[in-house]
Amino acid sequence: MDVSPPAYLRWMLWGAVAFLALLVLAAHRAMQTKPAATQPGA
């Protein structure tokens, strides 16, 4: 007997992976732009 997860679980997992990837990308961009924003004031 082979047990497989429901179909919606696969979509939820891929959605979570995509969400985490976007979160990491947004955090990376936010960290990159902060030093550039402080330069004109220096």
N, C-alpha and C. Protein backbone atom coordinates (compact mmCIF):
# COMPACT_ATOMS: atom_id res chain seq x y z
N MET A 1 0.86 -1.20 0.00
CA MET A 1 0.00 0.00 0.00
C MET A 1 0.89 1.25 0.00
N ASP A 2 0.72 2.07 -1.01
CA ASP A 2 1.54 3.27 -1.15
C ASP A 2 0.71 4.49 -0.75
N VAL A 3 1.18 5.21 0.25
CA VAL A 3 0.45 6.39 0.73
C VAL A 3 1.07 7.63 0.13
N SER A 4 0.25 8.44 -0.54
CA SER A 4 0.73 9.70 -1.12
C SER A 4 -0.04 10.86 -0.50
N PRO A 5 0.63 12.02 -0.35
CA PRO A 5 -0.07 13.17 0.22
C PRO A 5 -1.13 13.71 -0.74
N PRO A 6 -2.10 14.42 -0.20
CA PRO A 6 -3.13 15.00 -1.07
C PRO A 6 -2.53 15.99 -2.08
N ALA A 7 -3.24 16.22 -3.17
CA ALA A 7 -2.72 17.08 -4.23
C ALA A 7 -2.52 18.52 -3.75
N TYR A 8 -3.42 19.01 -2.91
CA TYR A 8 -3.30 20.41 -2.48
C TYR A 8 -2.07 20.63 -1.59
N LEU A 9 -1.60 19.57 -0.94
CA LEU A 9 -0.43 19.72 -0.09
C LEU A 9 0.81 20.06 -0.92
N ARG A 10 0.89 19.47 -2.11
CA ARG A 10 2.02 19.77 -2.99
C ARG A 10 2.01 21.23 -3.41
N TRP A 11 0.84 21.76 -3.74
CA TRP A 11 0.74 23.17 -4.13
C TRP A 11 1.07 24.08 -2.96
N MET A 12 0.65 23.68 -1.76
CA MET A 12 0.95 24.49 -0.58
C MET A 12 2.45 24.51 -0.31
N LEU A 13 3.12 23.37 -0.48
CA LEU A 13 4.57 23.32 -0.26
C LEU A 13 5.31 24.19 -1.28
N TRP A 14 4.93 24.11 -2.54
CA TRP A 14 5.57 24.94 -3.56
C TRP A 14 5.28 26.42 -3.31
N GLY A 15 4.08 26.73 -2.84
CA GLY A 15 3.76 28.11 -2.51
C GLY A 15 4.60 28.61 -1.35
N ALA A 16 4.84 27.76 -0.37
CA ALA A 16 5.68 28.15 0.76
C ALA A 16 7.12 28.36 0.32
N VAL A 17 7.62 27.52 -0.58
CA VAL A 17 8.98 27.68 -1.10
C VAL A 17 9.10 29.00 -1.85
N ALA A 18 8.11 29.31 -2.68
CA ALA A 18 8.13 30.56 -3.43
C ALA A 18 8.05 31.76 -2.49
N PHE A 19 7.23 31.66 -1.46
CA PHE A 19 7.09 32.75 -0.50
C PHE A 19 8.40 32.99 0.24
N LEU A 20 9.06 31.93 0.66
CA LEU A 20 10.34 32.07 1.36
C LEU A 20 11.40 32.66 0.43
N ALA A 21 11.38 32.26 -0.84
CA ALA A 21 12.35 32.81 -1.79
C ALA A 21 12.13 34.31 -1.97
N LEU A 22 10.88 34.74 -2.08
CA LEU A 22 10.59 36.16 -2.21
C LEU A 22 10.98 36.91 -0.94
N LEU A 23 10.77 36.30 0.20
CA LEU A 23 11.13 36.93 1.47
C LEU A 23 12.65 37.12 1.56
N VAL A 24 13.40 36.11 1.19
CA VAL A 24 14.86 36.22 1.20
C VAL A 24 15.32 37.27 0.20
N LEU A 25 14.71 37.30 -0.97
CA LEU A 25 15.09 38.29 -1.98
C LEU A 25 14.79 39.70 -1.50
N ALA A 26 13.64 39.91 -0.88
CA ALA A 26 13.29 41.23 -0.36
C ALA A 26 14.24 41.65 0.76
N ALA A 27 14.60 40.73 1.63
CA ALA A 27 15.53 41.05 2.71
C ALA A 27 16.91 41.37 2.14
N HIS A 28 17.33 40.64 1.14
CA HIS A 28 18.64 40.90 0.52
C HIS A 28 18.68 42.27 -0.13
N ARG A 29 17.60 42.62 -0.83
CA ARG A 29 17.54 43.94 -1.48
C ARG A 29 17.50 45.05 -0.43
N ALA A 30 16.80 44.83 0.67
CA ALA A 30 16.71 45.84 1.72
C ALA A 30 18.08 46.05 2.36
N MET A 31 18.84 45.00 2.54
CA MET A 31 20.16 45.13 3.14
C MET A 31 21.13 45.80 2.17
N GLN A 32 20.95 45.59 0.89
CA GLN A 32 21.83 46.21 -0.10
C GLN A 32 21.58 47.71 -0.22
N THR A 33 20.34 48.14 -0.12
CA THR A 33 20.01 49.54 -0.36
C THR A 33 20.27 50.41 0.87
N LYS A 34 20.39 49.83 2.06
CA LYS A 34 20.59 50.67 3.25
C LYS A 34 21.91 51.42 3.26
N PRO A 35 23.06 50.80 2.96
CA PRO A 35 24.30 51.58 2.93
C PRO A 35 24.28 52.68 1.87
N ALA A 36 23.64 52.42 0.72
CA ALA A 36 23.57 53.42 -0.33
C ALA A 36 22.74 54.61 0.11
N ALA A 37 21.73 54.38 0.94
CA ALA A 37 20.86 55.46 1.39
C ALA A 37 21.57 56.34 2.42
N THR A 38 22.57 55.81 3.10
CA THR A 38 23.25 56.61 4.13
C THR A 38 24.41 57.40 3.56
N GLN A 39 24.86 57.08 2.36
CA GLN A 39 26.01 57.78 1.77
C GLN A 39 25.77 59.26 1.49
N PRO A 40 24.62 59.65 0.89
CA PRO A 40 24.45 61.08 0.58
C PRO A 40 24.47 61.97 1.85
N GLY A 41 24.03 61.45 2.97
CA GLY A 41 24.02 62.25 4.20
C GLY A 41 25.40 62.37 4.83
N ALA A 42 26.32 61.52 4.47
CA ALA A 42 27.64 61.53 5.09
C ALA A 42 28.52 62.64 4.56
